[in-house]
Amino acid sequence: MSFMSNKAILKEGIIDSIVKKLFLNKKLKKDKGFQKQVNKLNKALADFEKAANAELKTLDPKSKPIKVDRYKI
């Protein structure tokens, strides 16, 4: 049971997020075009992470490397 009002629940999009988690991921996992786009996105993120870490090393050798989360279906 939620302590939030019905309007607050709808405003925050809790129901939308539940629908996305339950239904959309199953259809997107089967979509080959979407999977290719996600793979391209993850490769671009990896390239960006490498470039950003290389730039950080040149500016400050003691800096911690950044880590960008990858998208998972």
PDB file of N, CA and C in Angstrom:
ATOM      1  N   MET A   1       0.845  -1.173   0.000  1.00  0.00           N
ATOM      2  CA  MET A   1       0.000   0.000   0.000  1.00  0.00           C
ATOM      3  C   MET A   1       0.891   1.238   0.000  1.00  0.00           C
ATOM      4  N   SER A   2       0.489   2.190  -0.805  1.00  0.00           N
ATOM      5  CA  SER A   2       1.276   3.399  -0.951  1.00  0.00           C
ATOM      6  C   SER A   2       0.693   4.515  -0.097  1.00  0.00           C
ATOM      7  N   PHE A   3       1.580   5.333   0.450  1.00  0.00           N
ATOM      8  CA  PHE A   3       1.141   6.475   1.236  1.00  0.00           C
ATOM      9  C   PHE A   3       0.952   7.710   0.363  1.00  0.00           C
ATOM     10  N   MET A   4       1.238   7.574  -0.917  1.00  0.00           N
ATOM     11  CA  MET A   4       1.098   8.700  -1.829  1.00  0.00           C
ATOM     12  C   MET A   4      -0.334   8.755  -2.364  1.00  0.00           C
ATOM     13  N   SER A   5      -0.757   9.927  -2.740  1.00  0.00           N
ATOM     14  CA  SER A   5      -2.087  10.054  -3.330  1.00  0.00           C
ATOM     15  C   SER A   5      -2.053   9.519  -4.760  1.00  0.00           C
ATOM     16  N   ASN A   6      -3.209   9.242  -5.299  1.00  0.00           N
ATOM     17  CA  ASN A   6      -3.288   8.710  -6.660  1.00  0.00           C
ATOM     18  C   ASN A   6      -2.708   9.679  -7.676  1.00  0.00           C
ATOM     19  N   LYS A   7      -2.948  10.961  -7.503  1.00  0.00           N
ATOM     20  CA  LYS A   7      -2.429  11.960  -8.437  1.00  0.00           C
ATOM     21  C   LYS A   7      -0.907  12.027  -8.376  1.00  0.00           C
ATOM     22  N   ALA A   8      -0.345  11.912  -7.179  1.00  0.00           N
ATOM     23  CA  ALA A   8       1.112  11.959  -7.044  1.00  0.00           C
ATOM     24  C   ALA A   8       1.757  10.745  -7.705  1.00  0.00           C
ATOM     25  N   ILE A   9       1.109   9.609  -7.593  1.00  0.00           N
ATOM     26  CA  ILE A   9       1.642   8.395  -8.220  1.00  0.00           C
ATOM     27  C   ILE A   9       1.660   8.562  -9.734  1.00  0.00           C
ATOM     28  N   LEU A  10       0.581   9.114 -10.285  1.00  0.00           N
ATOM     29  CA  LEU A  10       0.520   9.315 -11.733  1.00  0.00           C
ATOM     30  C   LEU A  10       1.508  10.377 -12.199  1.00  0.00           C
ATOM     31  N   LYS A  11       1.705  11.424 -11.390  1.00  0.00           N
ATOM     32  CA  LYS A  11       2.638  12.485 -11.765  1.00  0.00           C
ATOM     33  C   LYS A  11       4.064  11.964 -11.836  1.00  0.00           C
ATOM     34  N   GLU A  12       4.438  11.093 -10.933  1.00  0.00           N
ATOM     35  CA  GLU A  12       5.803  10.579 -10.909  1.00  0.00           C
ATOM     36  C   GLU A  12       6.037   9.513 -11.970  1.00  0.00           C
ATOM     37  N   GLY A  13       4.979   9.022 -12.584  1.00  0.00           N
ATOM     38  CA  GLY A  13       5.131   8.062 -13.669  1.00  0.00           C
ATOM     39  C   GLY A  13       5.459   6.665 -13.202  1.00  0.00           C
ATOM     40  N   ILE A  14       5.018   6.311 -12.021  1.00  0.00           N
ATOM     41  CA  ILE A  14       5.307   4.973 -11.503  1.00  0.00           C
ATOM     42  C   ILE A  14       4.638   3.910 -12.359  1.00  0.00           C
ATOM     43  N   ILE A  15       3.413   4.163 -12.756  1.00  0.00           N
ATOM     44  CA  ILE A  15       2.695   3.182 -13.567  1.00  0.00           C
ATOM     45  C   ILE A  15       3.366   3.041 -14.930  1.00  0.00           C
ATOM     46  N   ASP A  16       3.804   4.154 -15.519  1.00  0.00           N
ATOM     47  CA  ASP A  16       4.501   4.088 -16.805  1.00  0.00           C
ATOM     48  C   ASP A  16       5.780   3.280 -16.702  1.00  0.00           C
ATOM     49  N   SER A  17       6.520   3.464 -15.630  1.00  0.00           N
ATOM     50  CA  SER A  17       7.773   2.715 -15.479  1.00  0.00           C
ATOM     51  C   SER A  17       7.502   1.235 -15.292  1.00  0.00           C
ATOM     52  N   ILE A  18       6.422   0.880 -14.608  1.00  0.00           N
ATOM     53  CA  ILE A  18       6.062  -0.530 -14.438  1.00  0.00           C
ATOM     54  C   ILE A  18       5.707  -1.148 -15.781  1.00  0.00           C
ATOM     55  N   VAL A  19       4.930  -0.436 -16.578  1.00  0.00           N
ATOM     56  CA  VAL A  19       4.553  -0.945 -17.899  1.00  0.00           C
ATOM     57  C   VAL A  19       5.793  -1.123 -18.767  1.00  0.00           C
ATOM     58  N   LYS A  20       6.702  -0.166 -18.724  1.00  0.00           N
ATOM     59  CA  LYS A  20       7.920  -0.276 -19.522  1.00  0.00           C
ATOM     60  C   LYS A  20       8.748  -1.480 -19.098  1.00  0.00           C
ATOM     61  N   LYS A  21       8.869  -1.693 -17.794  1.00  0.00           N
ATOM     62  CA  LYS A  21       9.676  -2.809 -17.299  1.00  0.00           C
ATOM     63  C   LYS A  21       9.058  -4.151 -17.667  1.00  0.00           C
ATOM     64  N   LEU A  22       7.735  -4.239 -17.616  1.00  0.00           N
ATOM     65  CA  LEU A  22       7.089  -5.529 -17.830  1.00  0.00           C
ATOM     66  C   LEU A  22       6.882  -5.884 -19.295  1.00  0.00           C
ATOM     67  N   PHE A  23       6.579  -4.903 -20.122  1.00  0.00           N
ATOM     68  CA  PHE A  23       6.153  -5.225 -21.476  1.00  0.00           C
ATOM     69  C   PHE A  23       7.115  -4.795 -22.570  1.00  0.00           C
ATOM     70  N   LEU A  24       7.674  -3.623 -22.482  1.00  0.00           N
ATOM     71  CA  LEU A  24       8.467  -3.114 -23.595  1.00  0.00           C
ATOM     72  C   LEU A  24       9.786  -3.842 -23.769  1.00  0.00           C
ATOM     73  N   ASN A  25      10.432  -4.218 -22.691  1.00  0.00           N
ATOM     74  CA  ASN A  25      11.733  -4.876 -22.808  1.00  0.00           C
ATOM     75  C   ASN A  25      11.635  -6.201 -23.551  1.00  0.00           C
ATOM     76  N   LYS A  26      10.546  -6.935 -23.363  1.00  0.00           N
ATOM     77  CA  LYS A  26      10.404  -8.216 -24.051  1.00  0.00           C
ATOM     78  C   LYS A  26      10.336  -8.027 -25.552  1.00  0.00           C
ATOM     79  N   LYS A  27       9.623  -6.986 -25.990  1.00  0.00           N
ATOM     80  CA  LYS A  27       9.520  -6.742 -27.424  1.00  0.00           C
ATOM     81  C   LYS A  27      10.820  -6.182 -27.981  1.00  0.00           C
ATOM     82  N   LEU A  28      11.484  -5.335 -27.222  1.00  0.00           N
ATOM     83  CA  LEU A  28      12.726  -4.741 -27.706  1.00  0.00           C
ATOM     84  C   LEU A  28      13.855  -5.759 -27.770  1.00  0.00           C
ATOM     85  N   LYS A  29      13.843  -6.753 -26.897  1.00  0.00           N
ATOM     86  CA  LYS A  29      14.889  -7.781 -26.933  1.00  0.00           C
ATOM     87  C   LYS A  29      14.853  -8.555 -28.237  1.00  0.00           C
ATOM     88  N   LYS A  30      13.673  -8.687 -28.826  1.00  0.00           N
ATOM     89  CA  LYS A  30      13.530  -9.448 -30.057  1.00  0.00           C
ATOM     90  C   LYS A  30      13.791  -8.603 -31.303  1.00  0.00           C
ATOM     91  N   ASP A  31      13.791  -7.298 -31.171  1.00  0.00           N
ATOM     92  CA  ASP A  31      13.953  -6.403 -32.313  1.00  0.00           C
ATOM     93  C   ASP A  31      15.433  -6.286 -32.677  1.00  0.00           C
ATOM     94  N   LYS A  32      15.801  -6.811 -33.841  1.00  0.00           N
ATOM     95  CA  LYS A  32      17.200  -6.824 -34.278  1.00  0.00           C
ATOM     96  C   LYS A  32      17.722  -5.415 -34.526  1.00  0.00           C
ATOM     97  N   GLY A  33      16.902  -4.551 -35.095  1.00  0.00           N
ATOM     98  CA  GLY A  33      17.330  -3.183 -35.369  1.00  0.00           C
ATOM     99  C   GLY A  33      17.649  -2.429 -34.095  1.00  0.00           C
ATOM    100  N   PHE A  34      16.817  -2.613 -33.090  1.00  0.00           N
ATOM    101  CA  PHE A  34      17.050  -1.950 -31.805  1.00  0.00           C
ATOM    102  C   PHE A  34      18.316  -2.481 -31.147  1.00  0.00           C
ATOM    103  N   GLN A  35      18.541  -3.784 -31.235  1.00  0.00           N
ATOM    104  CA  GLN A  35      19.747  -4.374 -30.651  1.00  0.00           C
ATOM    105  C   GLN A  35      21.009  -3.830 -31.313  1.00  0.00           C
ATOM    106  N   LYS A  36      20.964  -3.638 -32.635  1.00  0.00           N
ATOM    107  CA  LYS A  36      22.122  -3.083 -33.339  1.00  0.00           C
ATOM    108  C   LYS A  36      22.389  -1.660 -32.885  1.00  0.00           C
ATOM    109  N   GLN A  37      21.325  -0.883 -32.700  1.00  0.00           N
ATOM    110  CA  GLN A  37      21.485   0.500 -32.257  1.00  0.00           C
ATOM    111  C   GLN A  37      22.053   0.558 -30.840  1.00  0.00           C
ATOM    112  N   VAL A  38      21.622  -0.353 -29.972  1.00  0.00           N
ATOM    113  CA  VAL A  38      22.151  -0.401 -28.611  1.00  0.00           C
ATOM    114  C   VAL A  38      23.624  -0.774 -28.625  1.00  0.00           C
ATOM    115  N   ASN A  39      23.994  -1.707 -29.493  1.00  0.00           N
ATOM    116  CA  ASN A  39      25.413  -2.082 -29.600  1.00  0.00           C
ATOM    117  C   ASN A  39      26.255  -0.919 -30.094  1.00  0.00           C
ATOM    118  N   LYS A  40      25.730  -0.161 -31.063  1.00  0.00           N
ATOM    119  CA  LYS A  40      26.447   1.025 -31.552  1.00  0.00           C
ATOM    120  C   LYS A  40      26.589   2.058 -30.439  1.00  0.00           C
ATOM    121  N   LEU A  41      25.524   2.233 -29.669  1.00  0.00           N
ATOM    122  CA  LEU A  41      25.563   3.177 -28.551  1.00  0.00           C
ATOM    123  C   LEU A  41      26.623   2.766 -27.535  1.00  0.00           C
ATOM    124  N   ASN A  42      26.668   1.495 -27.195  1.00  0.00           N
ATOM    125  CA  ASN A  42      27.643   1.021 -26.216  1.00  0.00           C
ATOM    126  C   ASN A  42      29.074   1.154 -26.734  1.00  0.00           C
ATOM    127  N   LYS A  43      29.286   0.931 -28.024  1.00  0.00           N
ATOM    128  CA  LYS A  43      30.625   1.111 -28.595  1.00  0.00           C
ATOM    129  C   LYS A  43      31.031   2.581 -28.566  1.00  0.00           C
ATOM    130  N   ALA A  44      30.070   3.463 -28.869  1.00  0.00           N
ATOM    131  CA  ALA A  44      30.365   4.897 -28.826  1.00  0.00           C
ATOM    132  C   ALA A  44      30.667   5.341 -27.401  1.00  0.00           C
ATOM    133  N   LEU A  45      29.950   4.792 -26.434  1.00  0.00           N
ATOM    134  CA  LEU A  45      30.219   5.116 -25.034  1.00  0.00           C
ATOM    135  C   LEU A  45      31.598   4.634 -24.618  1.00  0.00           C
ATOM    136  N   ALA A  46      31.989   3.457 -25.098  1.00  0.00           N
ATOM    137  CA  ALA A  46      33.326   2.938 -24.770  1.00  0.00           C
ATOM    138  C   ALA A  46      34.407   3.823 -25.373  1.00  0.00           C
ATOM    139  N   ASP A  47      34.200   4.284 -26.605  1.00  0.00           N
ATOM    140  CA  ASP A  47      35.176   5.178 -27.233  1.00  0.00           C
ATOM    141  C   ASP A  47      35.260   6.500 -26.480  1.00  0.00           C
ATOM    142  N   PHE A  48      34.109   7.024 -26.082  1.00  0.00           N
ATOM    143  CA  PHE A  48      34.092   8.273 -25.322  1.00  0.00           C
ATOM    144  C   PHE A  48      34.809   8.101 -23.986  1.00  0.00           C
ATOM    145  N   GLU A  49      34.568   6.979 -23.330  1.00  0.00           N
ATOM    146  CA  GLU A  49      35.206   6.712 -22.037  1.00  0.00           C
ATOM    147  C   GLU A  49      36.723   6.645 -22.181  1.00  0.00           C
ATOM    148  N   LYS A  50      37.207   5.988 -23.228  1.00  0.00           N
ATOM    149  CA  LYS A  50      38.650   5.897 -23.457  1.00  0.00           C
ATOM    150  C   LYS A  50      39.254   7.274 -23.714  1.00  0.00           C
ATOM    151  N   ALA A  51      38.570   8.064 -24.540  1.00  0.00           N
ATOM    152  CA  ALA A  51      39.083   9.401 -24.864  1.00  0.00           C
ATOM    153  C   ALA A  51      39.069  10.303 -23.638  1.00  0.00           C
ATOM    154  N   ALA A  52      38.004  10.228 -22.851  1.00  0.00           N
ATOM    155  CA  ALA A  52      37.907  11.066 -21.655  1.00  0.00           C
ATOM    156  C   ALA A  52      38.968  10.668 -20.633  1.00  0.00           C
ATOM    157  N   ASN A  53      39.195   9.377 -20.469  1.00  0.00           N
ATOM    158  CA  ASN A  53      40.212   8.926 -19.519  1.00  0.00           C
ATOM    159  C   ASN A  53      41.618   9.305 -19.980  1.00  0.00           C
ATOM    160  N   ALA A  54      41.858   9.248 -21.281  1.00  0.00           N
ATOM    161  CA  ALA A  54      43.164   9.658 -21.803  1.00  0.00           C
ATOM    162  C   ALA A  54      43.392  11.147 -21.558  1.00  0.00           C
ATOM    163  N   GLU A  55      42.364  11.951 -21.762  1.00  0.00           N
ATOM    164  CA  GLU A  55      42.472  13.392 -21.533  1.00  0.00           C
ATOM    165  C   GLU A  55      42.681  13.681 -20.046  1.00  0.00           C
ATOM    166  N   LEU A  56      41.976  12.950 -19.184  1.00  0.00           N
ATOM    167  CA  LEU A  56      42.161  13.132 -17.741  1.00  0.00           C
ATOM    168  C   LEU A  56      43.591  12.789 -17.318  1.00  0.00           C
ATOM    169  N   LYS A  57      44.152  11.741 -17.903  1.00  0.00           N
ATOM    170  CA  LYS A  57      45.521  11.345 -17.564  1.00  0.00           C
ATOM    171  C   LYS A  57      46.525  12.422 -17.955  1.00  0.00           C
ATOM    172  N   THR A  58      46.276  13.091 -19.091  1.00  0.00           N
ATOM    173  CA  THR A  58      47.207  14.143 -19.508  1.00  0.00           C
ATOM    174  C   THR A  58      47.090  15.361 -18.597  1.00  0.00           C
ATOM    175  N   LEU A  59      45.888  15.640 -18.116  1.00  0.00           N
ATOM    176  CA  LEU A  59      45.696  16.801 -17.252  1.00  0.00           C
ATOM    177  C   LEU A  59      46.161  16.550 -15.825  1.00  0.00           C
ATOM    178  N   ASP A  60      45.824  15.368 -15.317  1.00  0.00           N
ATOM    179  CA  ASP A  60      46.188  15.026 -13.947  1.00  0.00           C
ATOM    180  C   ASP A  60      46.446  13.522 -13.865  1.00  0.00           C
ATOM    181  N   PRO A  61      47.700  13.108 -13.775  1.00  0.00           N
ATOM    182  CA  PRO A  61      48.009  11.673 -13.757  1.00  0.00           C
ATOM    183  C   PRO A  61      47.421  10.921 -12.559  1.00  0.00           C
ATOM    184  N   LYS A  62      47.110  11.614 -11.487  1.00  0.00           N
ATOM    185  CA  LYS A  62      46.577  10.951 -10.305  1.00  0.00           C
ATOM    186  C   LYS A  62      45.055  10.862 -10.303  1.00  0.00           C
ATOM    187  N   SER A  63      44.395  11.390 -11.308  1.00  0.00           N
ATOM    188  CA  SER A  63      42.932  11.398 -11.333  1.00  0.00           C
ATOM    189  C   SER A  63      42.387   9.985 -11.548  1.00  0.00           C
ATOM    190  N   LYS A  64      41.224   9.752 -10.996  1.00  0.00           N
ATOM    191  CA  LYS A  64      40.578   8.455 -11.160  1.00  0.00           C
ATOM    192  C   LYS A  64      39.898   8.397 -12.524  1.00  0.00           C
ATOM    193  N   PRO A  65      39.953   7.252 -13.178  1.00  0.00           N
ATOM    194  CA  PRO A  65      39.278   7.142 -14.473  1.00  0.00           C
ATOM    195  C   PRO A  65      37.760   7.152 -14.297  1.00  0.00           C
ATOM    196  N   ILE A  66      37.081   7.683 -15.309  1.00  0.00           N
ATOM    197  CA  ILE A  66      35.621   7.687 -15.252  1.00  0.00           C
ATOM    198  C   ILE A  66      35.101   6.381 -15.805  1.00  0.00           C
ATOM    199  N   LYS A  67      33.938   5.995 -15.373  1.00  0.00           N
ATOM    200  CA  LYS A  67      33.295   4.775 -15.852  1.00  0.00           C
ATOM    201  C   LYS A  67      31.879   5.130 -16.261  1.00  0.00           C
ATOM    202  N   VAL A  68      31.557   4.876 -17.518  1.00  0.00           N
ATOM    203  CA  VAL A  68      30.234   5.162 -18.044  1.00  0.00           C
ATOM    204  C   VAL A  68      29.469   3.853 -18.085  1.00  0.00           C
ATOM    205  N   ASP A  69      28.261   3.849 -17.542  1.00  0.00           N
ATOM    206  CA  ASP A  69      27.439   2.632 -17.553  1.00  0.00           C
ATOM    207  C   ASP A  69      26.959   2.336 -18.963  1.00  0.00           C
ATOM    208  N   ARG A  70      26.932   1.090 -19.302  1.00  0.00           N
ATOM    209  CA  ARG A  70      26.442   0.655 -20.602  1.00  0.00           C
ATOM    210  C   ARG A  70      24.940   0.413 -20.507  1.00  0.00           C
ATOM    211  N   TYR A  71      24.278   0.493 -21.654  1.00  0.00           N
ATOM    212  CA  TYR A  71      22.842   0.257 -21.695  1.00  0.00           C
ATOM    213  C   TYR A  71      22.591  -1.225 -21.864  1.00  0.00           C
ATOM    214  N   LYS A  72      21.699  -1.767 -21.063  1.00  0.00           N
ATOM    215  CA  LYS A  72      21.332  -3.180 -21.152  1.00  0.00           C
ATOM    216  C   LYS A  72      19.843  -3.290 -21.475  1.00  0.00           C
ATOM    217  N   ILE A  73      19.513  -4.267 -22.266  1.00  0.00           N
ATOM    218  CA  ILE A  73      18.107  -4.505 -22.582  1.00  0.00           C
ATOM    219  C   ILE A  73      17.568  -5.542 -21.629  1.00  0.00           C
TER     220      ILE A  73
END
